[in-house]
Amino acid sequence: MVKSNELLQELQEVNLSYLLLAQHLIRDNPAEAMLRLGVGSDVAEILASLTPAQLMKLANSSMLLCRFRFDDHAILSALTHVGKNVEVSRMHTAILLTQQPLETLQ
């Protein structure tokens, strides 16, 4: 039971960190944040407008709020491959990520 509580607490800490980072990115540069986070403008608007109390309530979910975006072999390979030209590898990864669909509210 203790381990389960510890895991839940760690999950909630990750959620809060993710939400705070997402909100900061969106407020600083919405277009870049949407690309980096993989969210559409509707989700970005909601995240940017959340109050601290709403962030805490959302973070306390028992579900992980961020999504692992590197579920494609080409993207994972590009990120983990140690190549001669790091900048080209980063650009290739960015191009692959921009081709993934954005998360939107339905």
N, C-alpha and C. Protein backbone atom coordinates (compact mmCIF):
# COMPACT_ATOMS: atom_id res chain seq x y z
N MET A 1 0.82 -1.20 0.00
CA MET A 1 0.00 0.00 0.00
C MET A 1 0.86 1.26 0.00
N VAL A 2 1.97 1.23 0.75
CA VAL A 2 2.85 2.39 0.81
C VAL A 2 3.44 2.67 -0.56
N LYS A 3 3.88 1.61 -1.25
CA LYS A 3 4.45 1.79 -2.57
C LYS A 3 3.44 2.38 -3.54
N SER A 4 2.20 1.94 -3.44
CA SER A 4 1.15 2.47 -4.29
C SER A 4 0.93 3.96 -4.02
N ASN A 5 0.94 4.35 -2.76
CA ASN A 5 0.79 5.77 -2.41
C ASN A 5 1.97 6.59 -2.90
N GLU A 6 3.18 6.02 -2.81
CA GLU A 6 4.38 6.71 -3.29
C GLU A 6 4.31 6.91 -4.79
N LEU A 7 3.88 5.88 -5.51
CA LEU A 7 3.77 5.99 -6.97
C LEU A 7 2.72 7.02 -7.37
N LEU A 8 1.61 7.05 -6.65
CA LEU A 8 0.58 8.04 -6.94
C LEU A 8 1.10 9.45 -6.69
N GLN A 9 1.83 9.63 -5.61
CA GLN A 9 2.40 10.95 -5.30
C GLN A 9 3.41 11.37 -6.37
N GLU A 10 4.25 10.44 -6.80
CA GLU A 10 5.21 10.76 -7.86
C GLU A 10 4.51 11.10 -9.17
N LEU A 11 3.46 10.38 -9.48
CA LEU A 11 2.67 10.65 -10.67
C LEU A 11 2.08 12.05 -10.61
N GLN A 12 1.56 12.43 -9.48
CA GLN A 12 0.97 13.75 -9.32
C GLN A 12 2.03 14.85 -9.40
N GLU A 13 3.24 14.57 -8.92
CA GLU A 13 4.33 15.54 -9.03
C GLU A 13 4.73 15.74 -10.49
N VAL A 14 4.77 14.64 -11.24
CA VAL A 14 5.08 14.74 -12.67
C VAL A 14 3.99 15.54 -13.37
N ASN A 15 2.74 15.28 -13.04
CA ASN A 15 1.63 16.02 -13.64
C ASN A 15 1.75 17.51 -13.36
N LEU A 16 2.04 17.87 -12.11
CA LEU A 16 2.14 19.29 -11.77
C LEU A 16 3.31 19.93 -12.50
N SER A 17 4.45 19.26 -12.53
CA SER A 17 5.61 19.81 -13.25
C SER A 17 5.30 20.01 -14.72
N TYR A 18 4.64 19.03 -15.32
CA TYR A 18 4.28 19.12 -16.73
C TYR A 18 3.32 20.28 -16.98
N LEU A 19 2.31 20.40 -16.14
CA LEU A 19 1.33 21.48 -16.32
C LEU A 19 1.96 22.85 -16.15
N LEU A 20 2.82 23.00 -15.16
CA LEU A 20 3.50 24.28 -14.95
C LEU A 20 4.40 24.62 -16.13
N LEU A 21 5.15 23.64 -16.60
CA LEU A 21 6.01 23.87 -17.77
C LEU A 21 5.18 24.20 -19.00
N ALA A 22 4.12 23.44 -19.23
CA ALA A 22 3.27 23.69 -20.40
C ALA A 22 2.69 25.10 -20.34
N GLN A 23 2.20 25.49 -19.19
CA GLN A 23 1.61 26.82 -19.04
C GLN A 23 2.65 27.91 -19.29
N HIS A 24 3.84 27.71 -18.76
CA HIS A 24 4.92 28.69 -18.97
C HIS A 24 5.28 28.80 -20.46
N LEU A 25 5.44 27.65 -21.12
CA LEU A 25 5.77 27.65 -22.55
C LEU A 25 4.69 28.34 -23.37
N ILE A 26 3.44 28.04 -23.07
CA ILE A 26 2.32 28.62 -23.83
C ILE A 26 2.26 30.12 -23.65
N ARG A 27 2.42 30.58 -22.43
CA ARG A 27 2.35 32.01 -22.17
C ARG A 27 3.53 32.75 -22.79
N ASP A 28 4.68 32.10 -22.87
CA ASP A 28 5.88 32.73 -23.43
C ASP A 28 5.84 32.79 -24.95
N ASN A 29 5.46 31.67 -25.60
CA ASN A 29 5.43 31.61 -27.06
C ASN A 29 4.42 30.55 -27.48
N PRO A 30 3.16 30.95 -27.65
CA PRO A 30 2.10 29.97 -27.92
C PRO A 30 2.36 29.07 -29.13
N ALA A 31 2.81 29.62 -30.22
CA ALA A 31 3.00 28.81 -31.43
C ALA A 31 4.08 27.75 -31.22
N GLU A 32 5.19 28.16 -30.65
CA GLU A 32 6.27 27.21 -30.39
C GLU A 32 5.83 26.17 -29.35
N ALA A 33 5.10 26.60 -28.34
CA ALA A 33 4.64 25.69 -27.30
C ALA A 33 3.70 24.63 -27.87
N MET A 34 2.79 25.04 -28.74
CA MET A 34 1.87 24.08 -29.33
C MET A 34 2.64 23.01 -30.12
N LEU A 35 3.68 23.43 -30.82
CA LEU A 35 4.50 22.48 -31.57
C LEU A 35 5.24 21.55 -30.62
N ARG A 36 5.88 22.12 -29.60
CA ARG A 36 6.66 21.30 -28.66
C ARG A 36 5.78 20.35 -27.85
N LEU A 37 4.61 20.82 -27.45
CA LEU A 37 3.73 20.01 -26.61
C LEU A 37 2.83 19.09 -27.42
N GLY A 38 2.66 19.38 -28.70
CA GLY A 38 1.79 18.56 -29.53
C GLY A 38 0.32 18.79 -29.25
N VAL A 39 -0.03 20.04 -28.91
CA VAL A 39 -1.42 20.36 -28.63
C VAL A 39 -1.91 21.42 -29.61
N GLY A 40 -3.22 21.47 -29.79
CA GLY A 40 -3.82 22.47 -30.65
C GLY A 40 -4.11 23.74 -29.87
N SER A 41 -4.60 24.74 -30.57
CA SER A 41 -4.85 26.04 -29.95
C SER A 41 -5.93 25.98 -28.88
N ASP A 42 -6.93 25.10 -29.05
CA ASP A 42 -7.98 25.00 -28.04
C ASP A 42 -7.44 24.49 -26.71
N VAL A 43 -6.60 23.47 -26.76
CA VAL A 43 -5.98 22.94 -25.53
C VAL A 43 -5.01 23.95 -24.95
N ALA A 44 -4.23 24.60 -25.81
CA ALA A 44 -3.27 25.60 -25.34
C ALA A 44 -3.97 26.75 -24.61
N GLU A 45 -5.09 27.21 -25.15
CA GLU A 45 -5.84 28.29 -24.49
C GLU A 45 -6.30 27.89 -23.10
N ILE A 46 -6.80 26.67 -22.98
CA ILE A 46 -7.27 26.21 -21.68
C ILE A 46 -6.11 26.11 -20.70
N LEU A 47 -5.02 25.51 -21.13
CA LEU A 47 -3.86 25.37 -20.24
C LEU A 47 -3.33 26.73 -19.78
N ALA A 48 -3.29 27.69 -20.70
CA ALA A 48 -2.78 29.02 -20.35
C ALA A 48 -3.67 29.73 -19.35
N SER A 49 -4.94 29.43 -19.36
CA SER A 49 -5.89 30.16 -18.51
C SER A 49 -6.15 29.51 -17.15
N LEU A 50 -5.58 28.33 -16.91
CA LEU A 50 -5.84 27.64 -15.64
C LEU A 50 -5.26 28.42 -14.45
N THR A 51 -6.04 28.49 -13.39
CA THR A 51 -5.57 29.12 -12.16
C THR A 51 -4.69 28.12 -11.40
N PRO A 52 -3.91 28.59 -10.42
CA PRO A 52 -3.11 27.66 -9.62
C PRO A 52 -3.95 26.56 -8.97
N ALA A 53 -5.13 26.90 -8.48
CA ALA A 53 -6.00 25.89 -7.86
C ALA A 53 -6.45 24.86 -8.89
N GLN A 54 -6.76 25.31 -10.11
CA GLN A 54 -7.17 24.38 -11.16
C GLN A 54 -6.01 23.48 -11.58
N LEU A 55 -4.79 24.06 -11.63
CA LEU A 55 -3.61 23.26 -11.95
C LEU A 55 -3.41 22.15 -10.92
N MET A 56 -3.54 22.49 -9.65
CA MET A 56 -3.37 21.51 -8.58
C MET A 56 -4.43 20.42 -8.67
N LYS A 57 -5.67 20.82 -8.92
CA LYS A 57 -6.76 19.84 -9.02
C LYS A 57 -6.51 18.88 -10.18
N LEU A 58 -6.10 19.43 -11.31
CA LEU A 58 -5.82 18.60 -12.48
C LEU A 58 -4.60 17.71 -12.25
N ALA A 59 -3.58 18.25 -11.61
CA ALA A 59 -2.36 17.49 -11.34
C ALA A 59 -2.61 16.32 -10.40
N ASN A 60 -3.59 16.44 -9.55
CA ASN A 60 -3.88 15.39 -8.57
C ASN A 60 -4.61 14.19 -9.17
N SER A 61 -4.72 14.16 -10.46
CA SER A 61 -5.32 13.02 -11.15
C SER A 61 -4.45 11.78 -10.93
N SER A 62 -5.06 10.63 -10.98
CA SER A 62 -4.30 9.38 -10.87
C SER A 62 -3.82 8.90 -12.24
N MET A 63 -4.06 9.71 -13.26
CA MET A 63 -3.64 9.38 -14.62
C MET A 63 -2.52 10.33 -15.05
N LEU A 64 -1.57 9.83 -15.81
CA LEU A 64 -0.49 10.66 -16.32
C LEU A 64 -1.07 11.59 -17.39
N LEU A 65 -0.83 12.89 -17.23
CA LEU A 65 -1.45 13.88 -18.12
C LEU A 65 -0.65 14.12 -19.41
N CYS A 66 0.65 13.92 -19.36
CA CYS A 66 1.43 14.11 -20.58
C CYS A 66 1.48 12.81 -21.36
N ARG A 67 1.73 12.92 -22.63
CA ARG A 67 1.72 11.75 -23.52
C ARG A 67 3.11 11.53 -24.08
N PHE A 68 3.54 10.28 -24.12
CA PHE A 68 4.83 9.94 -24.71
C PHE A 68 4.68 10.03 -26.21
N ARG A 69 5.30 11.04 -26.81
CA ARG A 69 5.10 11.31 -28.23
C ARG A 69 6.00 10.49 -29.14
N PHE A 70 6.99 9.82 -28.59
CA PHE A 70 7.96 9.13 -29.42
C PHE A 70 7.60 7.66 -29.56
N ASP A 71 6.39 7.40 -30.03
CA ASP A 71 5.93 6.03 -30.21
C ASP A 71 6.13 5.54 -31.64
N ASP A 72 6.89 6.26 -32.38
CA ASP A 72 7.19 5.92 -33.77
C ASP A 72 8.66 5.52 -33.86
N HIS A 73 8.95 4.41 -34.54
CA HIS A 73 10.31 3.92 -34.63
C HIS A 73 11.26 4.95 -35.23
N ALA A 74 10.85 5.65 -36.27
CA ALA A 74 11.73 6.63 -36.92
C ALA A 74 12.11 7.75 -35.96
N ILE A 75 11.16 8.20 -35.16
CA ILE A 75 11.44 9.28 -34.22
C ILE A 75 12.38 8.79 -33.12
N LEU A 76 12.08 7.63 -32.55
CA LEU A 76 12.95 7.09 -31.50
C LEU A 76 14.36 6.84 -32.03
N SER A 77 14.47 6.33 -33.22
CA SER A 77 15.79 6.09 -33.81
C SER A 77 16.54 7.39 -34.02
N ALA A 78 15.85 8.41 -34.49
CA ALA A 78 16.50 9.69 -34.72
C ALA A 78 16.98 10.30 -33.41
N LEU A 79 16.22 10.13 -32.35
CA LEU A 79 16.61 10.69 -31.06
C LEU A 79 17.74 9.92 -30.39
N THR A 80 17.78 8.63 -30.60
CA THR A 80 18.77 7.81 -29.89
C THR A 80 20.02 7.52 -30.71
N HIS A 81 19.97 7.73 -32.00
CA HIS A 81 21.12 7.46 -32.86
C HIS A 81 22.20 8.52 -32.66
N VAL A 82 23.39 8.05 -32.39
CA VAL A 82 24.52 8.97 -32.24
C VAL A 82 25.16 9.12 -33.61
N GLY A 83 24.87 10.23 -34.22
CA GLY A 83 25.39 10.47 -35.55
C GLY A 83 26.53 11.48 -35.54
N LYS A 84 27.08 11.71 -36.69
CA LYS A 84 28.18 12.65 -36.80
C LYS A 84 27.71 14.09 -36.72
N ASN A 85 26.49 14.34 -37.18
CA ASN A 85 26.00 15.71 -37.21
C ASN A 85 24.76 15.81 -36.31
N VAL A 86 24.96 16.30 -35.11
CA VAL A 86 23.88 16.39 -34.12
C VAL A 86 22.79 17.35 -34.59
N GLU A 87 23.17 18.45 -35.20
CA GLU A 87 22.18 19.45 -35.65
C GLU A 87 21.25 18.88 -36.72
N VAL A 88 21.78 18.13 -37.64
CA VAL A 88 20.95 17.52 -38.68
C VAL A 88 19.99 16.51 -38.05
N SER A 89 20.48 15.76 -37.08
CA SER A 89 19.64 14.80 -36.39
C SER A 89 18.50 15.49 -35.65
N ARG A 90 18.80 16.60 -34.99
CA ARG A 90 17.76 17.37 -34.29
C ARG A 90 16.73 17.91 -35.25
N MET A 91 17.18 18.43 -36.39
CA MET A 91 16.25 18.97 -37.38
C MET A 91 15.38 17.86 -37.94
N HIS A 92 15.96 16.70 -38.20
CA HIS A 92 15.20 15.58 -38.72
C HIS A 92 14.12 15.17 -37.72
N THR A 93 14.47 15.11 -36.45
CA THR A 93 13.52 14.76 -35.41
C THR A 93 12.39 15.79 -35.34
N ALA A 94 12.73 17.07 -35.41
CA ALA A 94 11.71 18.13 -35.36
C ALA A 94 10.75 18.00 -36.54
N ILE A 95 11.28 17.68 -37.70
CA ILE A 95 10.43 17.51 -38.88
C ILE A 95 9.48 16.33 -38.67
N LEU A 96 9.98 15.23 -38.15
CA LEU A 96 9.13 14.06 -37.90
C LEU A 96 8.04 14.38 -36.88
N LEU A 97 8.39 15.14 -35.85
CA LEU A 97 7.41 15.49 -34.82
C LEU A 97 6.32 16.41 -35.35
N THR A 98 6.66 17.30 -36.25
CA THR A 98 5.64 18.21 -36.78
C THR A 98 4.63 17.48 -37.64
N GLN A 99 4.95 16.29 -38.08
CA GLN A 99 4.03 15.51 -38.90
C GLN A 99 3.02 14.74 -38.06
N GLN A 100 3.21 14.69 -36.72
CA GLN A 100 2.27 13.99 -35.87
C GLN A 100 1.05 14.85 -35.64
N PRO A 101 -0.11 14.22 -35.49
CA PRO A 101 -1.34 14.99 -35.24
C PRO A 101 -1.31 15.68 -33.88
N LEU A 102 -1.95 16.84 -33.81
CA LEU A 102 -2.04 17.58 -32.55
C LEU A 102 -3.19 17.06 -31.74
N GLU A 103 -3.07 17.20 -30.41
CA GLU A 103 -4.14 16.84 -29.52
C GLU A 103 -5.14 17.99 -29.49
N THR A 104 -6.39 17.69 -29.66
CA THR A 104 -7.43 18.71 -29.61
C THR A 104 -8.57 18.22 -28.74
N LEU A 105 -9.39 19.14 -28.33
CA LEU A 105 -10.57 18.77 -27.56
C LEU A 105 -11.67 18.38 -28.52
N GLN A 106 -12.36 17.33 -28.22
CA GLN A 106 -13.45 16.87 -29.07
C GLN A 106 -14.76 17.33 -28.50
